[in-house]
Each structure stands twice: as structure tokens, then as C-alpha cells.
C-alpha atoms as a PDB file:
ATOM      1  CA  UNK A   1     -10.898 141.957  15.573  1.00  0.00           C
ATOM      2  CA  UNK A   2     -10.889 144.163  12.447  1.00  0.00           C
ATOM      3  CA  UNK A   3      -7.373 143.028  11.469  1.00  0.00           C
ATOM      4  CA  UNK A   4      -8.344 139.402  11.898  1.00  0.00           C
ATOM      5  CA  UNK A   5     -11.425 139.876   9.688  1.00  0.00           C
ATOM      6  CA  UNK A   6      -9.319 141.527   6.959  1.00  0.00           C
ATOM      7  CA  UNK A   7      -6.731 138.726   7.046  1.00  0.00           C
ATOM      8  CA  UNK A   8      -9.517 136.155   6.818  1.00  0.00           C
ATOM      9  CA  UNK A   9     -10.907 137.945   3.777  1.00  0.00           C
ATOM     10  CA  UNK A  10      -7.445 137.891   2.145  1.00  0.00           C
ATOM     11  CA  UNK A  11      -7.216 134.151   2.736  1.00  0.00           C
ATOM     12  CA  UNK A  12     -10.611 133.343   1.215  1.00  0.00           C
ATOM     13  CA  UNK A  13     -10.270 135.788  -1.705  1.00  0.00           C
ATOM     14  CA  UNK A  14      -9.179 133.031  -4.176  1.00  0.00           C
ATOM     15  CA  UNK A  15     -12.356 131.141  -3.356  1.00  0.00           C
ATOM     16  CA  UNK A  16     -14.502 134.233  -3.903  1.00  0.00           C
ATOM     17  CA  UNK A  17     -13.075 135.007  -7.328  1.00  0.00           C
ATOM     18  CA  UNK A  18     -13.470 132.018  -9.699  1.00  0.00           C
ATOM     19  CA  UNK A  19     -14.312 133.517 -13.053  1.00  0.00           C
ATOM     20  CA  UNK A  20     -13.606 136.517 -15.213  1.00  0.00           C
ATOM     21  CA  UNK A  21     -15.330 139.650 -14.069  1.00  0.00           C
ATOM     22  CA  UNK A  22     -17.062 141.644 -16.812  1.00  0.00           C
ATOM     23  CA  UNK A  23     -17.585 145.293 -15.871  1.00  0.00           C
ATOM     24  CA  UNK A  24     -18.409 146.437 -19.419  1.00  0.00           C
ATOM     25  CA  UNK A  25     -17.931 145.249 -22.963  1.00  0.00           C
ATOM     26  CA  UNK A  26     -14.476 146.833 -23.139  1.00  0.00           C
ATOM     27  CA  UNK A  27     -13.370 146.257 -19.560  1.00  0.00           C
ATOM     28  CA  UNK A  28     -12.851 142.600 -18.710  1.00  0.00           C
ATOM     29  CA  UNK A  29     -10.491 141.486 -15.912  1.00  0.00           C
ATOM     30  CA  UNK A  30      -8.957 138.071 -15.528  1.00  0.00           C
ATOM     31  CA  UNK A  31      -9.453 136.124 -12.337  1.00  0.00           C
ATOM     32  CA  UNK A  32      -5.856 136.643 -11.167  1.00  0.00           C
ATOM     33  CA  UNK A  33      -6.073 140.400 -11.706  1.00  0.00           C
ATOM     34  CA  UNK A  34      -9.300 140.612  -9.748  1.00  0.00           C
ATOM     35  CA  UNK A  35      -7.760 138.598  -6.940  1.00  0.00           C
ATOM     36  CA  UNK A  36      -4.648 140.793  -6.898  1.00  0.00           C
ATOM     37  CA  UNK A  37      -6.697 143.994  -6.923  1.00  0.00           C
ATOM     38  CA  UNK A  38      -8.932 142.746  -4.154  1.00  0.00           C
ATOM     39  CA  UNK A  39      -5.972 141.580  -2.064  1.00  0.00           C
ATOM     40  CA  UNK A  40      -4.179 144.885  -2.637  1.00  0.00           C
ATOM     41  CA  UNK A  41      -7.291 146.756  -1.557  1.00  0.00           C
ATOM     42  CA  UNK A  42      -7.566 144.627   1.554  1.00  0.00           C
ATOM     43  CA  UNK A  43      -3.874 145.157   2.366  1.00  0.00           C
ATOM     44  CA  UNK A  44      -4.180 148.938   2.025  1.00  0.00           C
ATOM     45  CA  UNK A  45      -7.262 148.802   4.222  1.00  0.00           C
ATOM     46  CA  UNK A  46      -5.360 146.736   6.787  1.00  0.00           C
ATOM     47  CA  UNK A  47      -2.466 149.210   6.633  1.00  0.00           C
ATOM     48  CA  UNK A  48      -4.683 152.235   7.309  1.00  0.00           C
ATOM     49  CA  UNK A  49      -6.582 150.377  10.045  1.00  0.00           C
ATOM     50  CA  UNK A  50      -3.241 149.491  11.659  1.00  0.00           C
ATOM     51  CA  UNK A  51      -2.091 153.123  11.504  1.00  0.00           C
ATOM     52  CA  UNK A  52      -5.382 154.238  13.017  1.00  0.00           C
ATOM     53  CA  UNK A  53      -5.049 151.592  15.728  1.00  0.00           C
ATOM     54  CA  UNK A  54      -1.479 152.681  16.532  1.00  0.00           C
ATOM     55  CA  UNK A  55      -2.546 156.329  16.631  1.00  0.00           C
ATOM     56  CA  UNK A  56      -5.327 155.523  19.089  1.00  0.00           C
ATOM     57  CA  UNK A  57      -2.967 153.324  21.090  1.00  0.00           C
ATOM     58  CA  UNK A  58      -0.452 156.192  21.289  1.00  0.00           C
ATOM     59  CA  UNK A  59      -3.173 158.598  22.450  1.00  0.00           C
ATOM     60  CA  UNK A  60      -4.319 156.126  25.081  1.00  0.00           C
ATOM     61  CA  UNK A  61      -0.721 155.606  26.242  1.00  0.00           C
ATOM     62  CA  UNK A  62      -0.197 159.371  26.540  1.00  0.00           C
ATOM     63  CA  UNK A  63      -3.452 159.698  28.473  1.00  0.00           C
ATOM     64  CA  UNK A  64      -2.345 156.835  30.737  1.00  0.00           C
ATOM     65  CA  UNK A  65       1.026 158.551  31.306  1.00  0.00           C
ATOM     66  CA  UNK A  66      -0.744 161.806  32.186  1.00  0.00           C
ATOM     67  CA  UNK A  67      -3.002 159.974  34.603  1.00  0.00           C
ATOM     68  CA  UNK A  68      -0.010 158.210  36.153  1.00  0.00           C
ATOM     69  CA  UNK A  69       1.834 161.536  36.515  1.00  0.00           C
ATOM     70  CA  UNK A  70      -1.258 163.193  37.982  1.00  0.00           C
ATOM     71  CA  UNK A  71      -1.737 160.294  40.375  1.00  0.00           C
ATOM     72  CA  UNK A  72       1.917 160.571  41.442  1.00  0.00           C
ATOM     73  CA  UNK A  73       1.513 164.328  42.029  1.00  0.00           C
ATOM     74  CA  UNK A  74      -1.649 163.749  44.051  1.00  0.00           C
ATOM     75  CA  UNK A  75       0.105 161.061  46.072  1.00  0.00           C
ATOM     76  CA  UNK A  76       3.024 163.412  46.793  1.00  0.00           C
ATOM     77  CA  UNK A  77       0.629 166.202  47.770  1.00  0.00           C
ATOM     78  CA  UNK A  78      -1.282 163.847  50.029  1.00  0.00           C
ATOM     79  CA  UNK A  79       1.976 162.777  51.685  1.00  0.00           C
ATOM     80  CA  UNK A  80       2.988 166.425  52.143  1.00  0.00           C
ATOM     81  CA  UNK A  81      -0.450 167.197  53.576  1.00  0.00           C
ATOM     82  CA  UNK A  82      -0.142 164.394  56.135  1.00  0.00           C
ATOM     83  CA  UNK A  83       3.347 165.627  57.065  1.00  0.00           C
ATOM     84  CA  UNK A  84       2.023 169.168  57.450  1.00  0.00           C
ATOM     85  CA  UNK A  85      -0.913 167.990  59.571  1.00  0.00           C
ATOM     86  CA  UNK A  86       1.488 165.999  61.732  1.00  0.00           C
ATOM     87  CA  UNK A  87       3.705 169.067  62.145  1.00  0.00           C
ATOM     88  CA  UNK A  88       0.712 171.228  63.030  1.00  0.00           C
ATOM     89  CA  UNK A  89      -0.410 168.704  65.647  1.00  0.00           C
ATOM     90  CA  UNK A  90       3.048 168.787  67.226  1.00  0.00           C
ATOM     91  CA  UNK A  91       2.981 172.592  67.244  1.00  0.00           C
ATOM     92  CA  UNK A  92      -0.491 172.602  68.801  1.00  0.00           C
ATOM     93  CA  UNK A  93       0.762 170.315  71.557  1.00  0.00           C
ATOM     94  CA  UNK A  94       3.741 172.613  72.123  1.00  0.00           C
ATOM     95  CA  UNK A  95       1.518 175.698  72.312  1.00  0.00           C
ATOM     96  CA  UNK A  96      -0.875 173.902  74.649  1.00  0.00           C
ATOM     97  CA  UNK A  97       2.015 172.933  76.925  1.00  0.00           C
ATOM     98  CA  UNK A  98       3.242 176.552  76.889  1.00  0.00           C
ATOM     99  CA  UNK A  99      -0.121 178.028  77.785  1.00  0.00           C
ATOM    100  CA  UNK A 100      -1.264 175.378  80.245  1.00  0.00           C
ATOM    101  CA  UNK A 101       1.990 174.198  81.808  1.00  0.00           C
ATOM    102  CA  UNK A 102       1.446 175.961  85.155  1.00  0.00           C
ATOM    103  CA  UNK A 103      -1.108 174.840  87.694  1.00  0.00           C
ATOM    104  CA  UNK A 104      -0.135 177.545  90.193  1.00  0.00           C
ATOM    105  CA  UNK A 105       0.923 181.151  89.713  1.00  0.00           C
ATOM    106  CA  UNK A 106       4.293 181.958  91.332  1.00  0.00           C
ATOM    107  CA  UNK A 107       3.982 183.569  94.760  1.00  0.00           C
ATOM    108  CA  UNK A 108       7.614 183.453  95.928  1.00  0.00           C
ATOM    109  CA  UNK A 109      10.975 184.235  94.327  1.00  0.00           C
ATOM    110  CA  UNK A 110      11.752 180.543  94.314  1.00  0.00           C
ATOM    111  CA  UNK A 111       8.471 179.866  92.502  1.00  0.00           C
ATOM    112  CA  UNK A 112       9.375 182.412  89.863  1.00  0.00           C
ATOM    113  CA  UNK A 113      12.845 180.919  89.472  1.00  0.00           C
ATOM    114  CA  UNK A 114      11.161 177.576  88.815  1.00  0.00           C
ATOM    115  CA  UNK A 115       8.972 179.291  86.203  1.00  0.00           C
ATOM    116  CA  UNK A 116      12.100 180.513  84.446  1.00  0.00           C
ATOM    117  CA  UNK A 117      13.546 176.998  84.452  1.00  0.00           C
ATOM    118  CA  UNK A 118      10.282 175.483  83.199  1.00  0.00           C
ATOM    119  CA  UNK A 119       9.972 177.836  80.262  1.00  0.00           C
ATOM    120  CA  UNK A 120      13.680 177.546  79.453  1.00  0.00           C
ATOM    121  CA  UNK A 121      13.173 173.791  79.026  1.00  0.00           C
ATOM    122  CA  UNK A 122      10.244 174.502  76.736  1.00  0.00           C
ATOM    123  CA  UNK A 123      12.469 176.774  74.646  1.00  0.00           C
ATOM    124  CA  UNK A 124      15.086 174.003  74.482  1.00  0.00           C
ATOM    125  CA  UNK A 125      12.385 171.684  73.101  1.00  0.00           C
ATOM    126  CA  UNK A 126      11.687 174.229  70.348  1.00  0.00           C
ATOM    127  CA  UNK A 127      15.207 175.457  69.510  1.00  0.00           C
ATOM    128  CA  UNK A 128      18.386 173.413  69.279  1.00  0.00           C
ATOM    129  CA  UNK A 129      20.382 175.855  71.418  1.00  0.00           C
ATOM    130  CA  UNK A 130      23.074 175.184  74.046  1.00  0.00           C
ATOM    131  CA  UNK A 131      21.856 178.027  76.257  1.00  0.00           C
ATOM    132  CA  UNK A 132      19.044 180.530  76.673  1.00  0.00           C
ATOM    133  CA  UNK A 133      18.843 183.785  78.599  1.00  0.00           C
ATOM    134  CA  UNK A 134      15.450 184.925  79.847  1.00  0.00           C
ATOM    135  CA  UNK A 135      15.654 188.548  80.912  1.00  0.00           C
ATOM    136  CA  UNK A 136      13.129 191.139  82.060  1.00  0.00           C
ATOM    137  CA  UNK A 137      14.275 194.674  81.283  1.00  0.00           C
ATOM    138  CA  UNK A 138      13.137 198.067  82.572  1.00  0.00           C
ATOM    139  CA  UNK A 139      12.474 199.940  79.328  1.00  0.00           C
ATOM    140  CA  UNK A 140      12.851 203.341  81.021  1.00  0.00           C
ATOM    141  CA  UNK A 141      16.431 203.018  82.296  1.00  0.00           C
ATOM    142  CA  UNK A 142      17.484 199.857  80.386  1.00  0.00           C
ATOM    143  CA  UNK A 143      18.344 198.013  83.607  1.00  0.00           C
ATOM    144  CA  UNK A 144      17.902 194.315  84.128  1.00  0.00           C
ATOM    145  CA  UNK A 145      15.046 193.628  86.553  1.00  0.00           C
ATOM    146  CA  UNK A 146      15.638 189.894  86.718  1.00  0.00           C
ATOM    147  CA  UNK A 147      17.415 187.311  84.637  1.00  0.00           C
ATOM    148  CA  UNK A 148      17.785 183.559  84.344  1.00  0.00           C
ATOM    149  CA  UNK A 149      20.347 181.654  82.275  1.00  0.00           C
ATOM    150  CA  UNK A 150      19.743 177.999  81.511  1.00  0.00           C
ATOM    151  CA  UNK A 151      22.268 175.655  79.880  1.00  0.00           C
ATOM    152  CA  UNK A 152      22.251 172.295  78.284  1.00  0.00           C
ATOM    153  CA  UNK A 153      24.677 169.795  79.752  1.00  0.00           C
ATOM    154  CA  UNK A 154      28.361 170.837  79.531  1.00  0.00           C
ATOM    155  CA  UNK A 155      27.483 174.243  78.024  1.00  0.00           C
ATOM    156  CA  UNK A 156      28.427 177.663  79.418  1.00  0.00           C
ATOM    157  CA  UNK A 157      27.750 181.309  78.588  1.00  0.00           C
ATOM    158  CA  UNK A 158      28.065 184.820  80.028  1.00  0.00           C
ATOM    159  CA  UNK A 159      25.292 187.325  79.337  1.00  0.00           C
ATOM    160  CA  UNK A 160      27.223 190.429  80.438  1.00  0.00           C
ATOM    161  CA  UNK A 161      28.039 191.424  76.850  1.00  0.00           C
ATOM    162  CA  UNK A 162      24.388 191.635  75.847  1.00  0.00           C
ATOM    163  CA  UNK A 163      23.211 195.267  75.922  1.00  0.00           C
ATOM    164  CA  UNK A 164      19.719 195.985  77.260  1.00  0.00           C
ATOM    165  CA  UNK A 165      19.663 199.303  75.432  1.00  0.00           C
ATOM    166  CA  UNK A 166      20.416 197.601  72.132  1.00  0.00           C
ATOM    167  CA  UNK A 167      17.616 195.108  72.793  1.00  0.00           C
ATOM    168  CA  UNK A 168      15.004 197.735  73.682  1.00  0.00           C
ATOM    169  CA  UNK A 169      15.988 199.954  70.733  1.00  0.00           C
ATOM    170  CA  UNK A 170      15.947 196.906  68.435  1.00  0.00           C
ATOM    171  CA  UNK A 171      19.528 197.379  67.337  1.00  0.00           C
ATOM    172  CA  UNK A 172      21.256 194.590  65.453  1.00  0.00           C
ATOM    173  CA  UNK A 173      23.283 192.266  67.687  1.00  0.00           C
ATOM    174  CA  UNK A 174      25.601 189.912  65.834  1.00  0.00           C
ATOM    175  CA  UNK A 175      25.814 186.403  67.231  1.00  0.00           C
ATOM    176  CA  UNK A 176      22.475 186.491  69.057  1.00  0.00           C
ATOM    177  CA  UNK A 177      18.853 185.753  68.283  1.00  0.00           C
ATOM    178  CA  UNK A 178      16.616 188.112  70.296  1.00  0.00           C
ATOM    179  CA  UNK A 179      12.911 187.312  70.643  1.00  0.00           C
ATOM    180  CA  UNK A 180      10.870 189.724  72.763  1.00  0.00           C
ATOM    181  CA  UNK A 181       7.363 189.909  74.141  1.00  0.00           C
ATOM    182  CA  UNK A 182       4.857 191.623  71.876  1.00  0.00           C
ATOM    183  CA  UNK A 183       3.339 194.237  74.225  1.00  0.00           C
ATOM    184  CA  UNK A 184       4.665 197.773  73.688  1.00  0.00           C
ATOM    185  CA  UNK A 185       2.712 199.752  76.316  1.00  0.00           C
ATOM    186  CA  UNK A 186       4.500 198.396  79.391  1.00  0.00           C
ATOM    187  CA  UNK A 187       7.528 199.802  81.212  1.00  0.00           C
ATOM    188  CA  UNK A 188       9.107 196.340  81.180  1.00  0.00           C
ATOM    189  CA  UNK A 189      10.018 193.913  78.429  1.00  0.00           C
ATOM    190  CA  UNK A 190      10.633 190.180  78.607  1.00  0.00           C
ATOM    191  CA  UNK A 191      13.256 188.910  76.154  1.00  0.00           C
ATOM    192  CA  UNK A 192      14.523 185.453  75.250  1.00  0.00           C
ATOM    193  CA  UNK A 193      18.128 185.499  74.044  1.00  0.00           C
ATOM    194  CA  UNK A 194      19.523 182.556  72.098  1.00  0.00           C
ATOM    195  CA  UNK A 195      22.616 181.844  70.021  1.00  0.00           C
ATOM    196  CA  UNK A 196      22.279 183.047  66.444  1.00  0.00           C
ATOM    197  CA  UNK A 197      20.465 180.094  64.916  1.00  0.00           C
ATOM    198  CA  UNK A 198      17.761 179.568  62.333  1.00  0.00           C
ATOM    199  CA  UNK A 199      14.188 179.265  63.577  1.00  0.00           C
ATOM    200  CA  UNK A 200      11.205 179.069  61.294  1.00  0.00           C
ATOM    201  CA  UNK A 201       8.206 181.366  61.711  1.00  0.00           C
ATOM    202  CA  UNK A 202       6.211 178.912  63.828  1.00  0.00           C
ATOM    203  CA  UNK A 203       9.137 178.306  66.192  1.00  0.00           C
ATOM    204  CA  UNK A 204       9.656 182.053  66.643  1.00  0.00           C
ATOM    205  CA  UNK A 205       5.951 182.489  67.390  1.00  0.00           C
ATOM    206  CA  UNK A 206       6.135 179.808  70.093  1.00  0.00           C
ATOM    207  CA  UNK A 207       9.195 181.393  71.729  1.00  0.00           C
ATOM    208  CA  UNK A 208       7.426 184.767  71.576  1.00  0.00           C
ATOM    209  CA  UNK A 209       4.396 183.197  73.278  1.00  0.00           C
ATOM    210  CA  UNK A 210       6.718 182.028  76.064  1.00  0.00           C
ATOM    211  CA  UNK A 211       8.094 185.574  76.476  1.00  0.00           C
ATOM    212  CA  UNK A 212       4.531 186.939  76.655  1.00  0.00           C
ATOM    213  CA  UNK A 213       3.596 184.331  79.243  1.00  0.00           C
ATOM    214  CA  UNK A 214       6.613 185.066  81.447  1.00  0.00           C
ATOM    215  CA  UNK A 215       5.940 188.793  81.230  1.00  0.00           C
ATOM    216  CA  UNK A 216       2.326 188.303  82.317  1.00  0.00           C
ATOM    217  CA  UNK A 217       3.365 186.037  85.196  1.00  0.00           C
ATOM    218  CA  UNK A 218       5.948 188.578  86.353  1.00  0.00           C
ATOM    219  CA  UNK A 219       3.308 191.330  86.420  1.00  0.00           C
ATOM    220  CA  UNK A 220       1.035 189.091  88.493  1.00  0.00           C
ATOM    221  CA  UNK A 221       3.928 188.105  90.752  1.00  0.00           C
ATOM    222  CA  UNK A 222       4.803 191.748  91.489  1.00  0.00           C
ATOM    223  CA  UNK A 223       1.228 192.998  91.815  1.00  0.00           C
ATOM    224  CA  UNK A 224       0.577 192.796  95.561  1.00  0.00           C
ATOM    225  CA  UNK A 225      -3.044 193.845  95.145  1.00  0.00           C
ATOM    226  CA  UNK A 226      -3.783 191.095  92.649  1.00  0.00           C
ATOM    227  CA  UNK A 227      -2.077 188.490  94.808  1.00  0.00           C
ATOM    228  CA  UNK A 228      -4.057 189.500  97.893  1.00  0.00           C
ATOM    229  CA  UNK A 229      -7.349 189.468  95.989  1.00  0.00           C
ATOM    230  CA  UNK A 230      -7.042 186.435  93.738  1.00  0.00           C
ATOM    231  CA  UNK A 231      -3.966 184.274  94.449  1.00  0.00           C
ATOM    232  CA  UNK A 232      -4.075 181.620  97.167  1.00  0.00           C
ATOM    233  CA  UNK A 233      -0.876 180.905  99.020  1.00  0.00           C
END
């Protein structure tokens, strides 16, 4: 709007200046000189207005770029948040299935074998492993109390090379991932043995929860007094 007004003024300048302009007795300007001076003044004004306009336009463009970048960052963060929430929901479902998967406590050896198989499948849903060994160890003499090995299809493995003493003493065992139950004041220890693979913190926590659950079920299974008082056949 300002540029248009200045250009209009330049156009009508010849009509505005028709006679000599007398500023004093010694300073008289011809009509053409007045027109040229006025036009020059208007052009300089238009030039500075244009520079000011471009400067403001540049500032607005930079602000728009910052807003666009900020909006992109917020969009990415929102996407990451939805992904995280989705992952958390999956983990919650996994934990719920771990803690509420049994409707009956095991009362026979066959029941407990089925418990091993059930929790092994849960571990397979957490870790991409070809096999898993679930072992309950006597921490006093390092003997195996009971053990179950579960395989994926066409997989095989022998657990004889895995040392109970090394597990209980937390010694490094190359080629294996050892996740144990958390309790330290029991004479037994439940361990889940997997191939040496990468699990994130949440996955390790879920496998540890499985080891804790199996350990608790084994204590109940072998406690005759508890079974007679509270467990129905």
C-alpha cells in the first residue's frame, strides 16, 4: 500500500509542480529542478521503505521457519510418545499374562511340568531365542532340583555344560544369558537360561518376573502344609 502511494505521488508530481518555487530572494528553483528533487526524494523514500519491508519479510520468514521446525519437532515427539505408549501397553499386557496366567496352582508333578511349559512359551514371546532352560537350583550344594528345557521347532540344546555353581556365584558364562529370581534369602534359586542375546531392560524385568513366579509356585508345590490348608485338589 505504501509503495503504491509513493508511485502514485511520483506520477502526479508534474501536475503538482507548475511554476517556479521561490524559497528566498536568492534561492529560486525552476519547475524541472523542483520536480526532479521531489521525484528523487520520493524514490529514496521508496527505496528505504522497500528495504524496511524486505527486512520485516525476512524476519517473518525466519519466524515462520522456526515455527515450522518447532511444529515438526513436536510432531516427532508426539509420534514417539504414541509409540512409547503403545509399547508400554504391550508390556503391561505381557506382565498381566505372566502374573495372571494360572487359574490353578500345580498340585502334581505333571501340573508343574505344564507350568514350566507355559512360562517357557511366555519367555519365547519376550525373547527371540531358539531354546530356554528353566532350572531350580539348591544354593547350598549347587545341585539341580528340577529342570525343564523348551525348544522352538527344529531347535536342540544340551544344558549339561551349564554350571550351577557358576550361576549361584554369579560368575561370567560366555554364550549364555542368565536371568535369576530376585530373592536372596532362600535355599533355592530359579534361573532362566537363554542363548547370549540382547534384551532391553523391560524384557529382562519380565523374564525375571517369570523366574520369581516359578520360584513361588515351586515353594507352594513342595509345601505340604500349605497344600493341605489352602489348595483344593
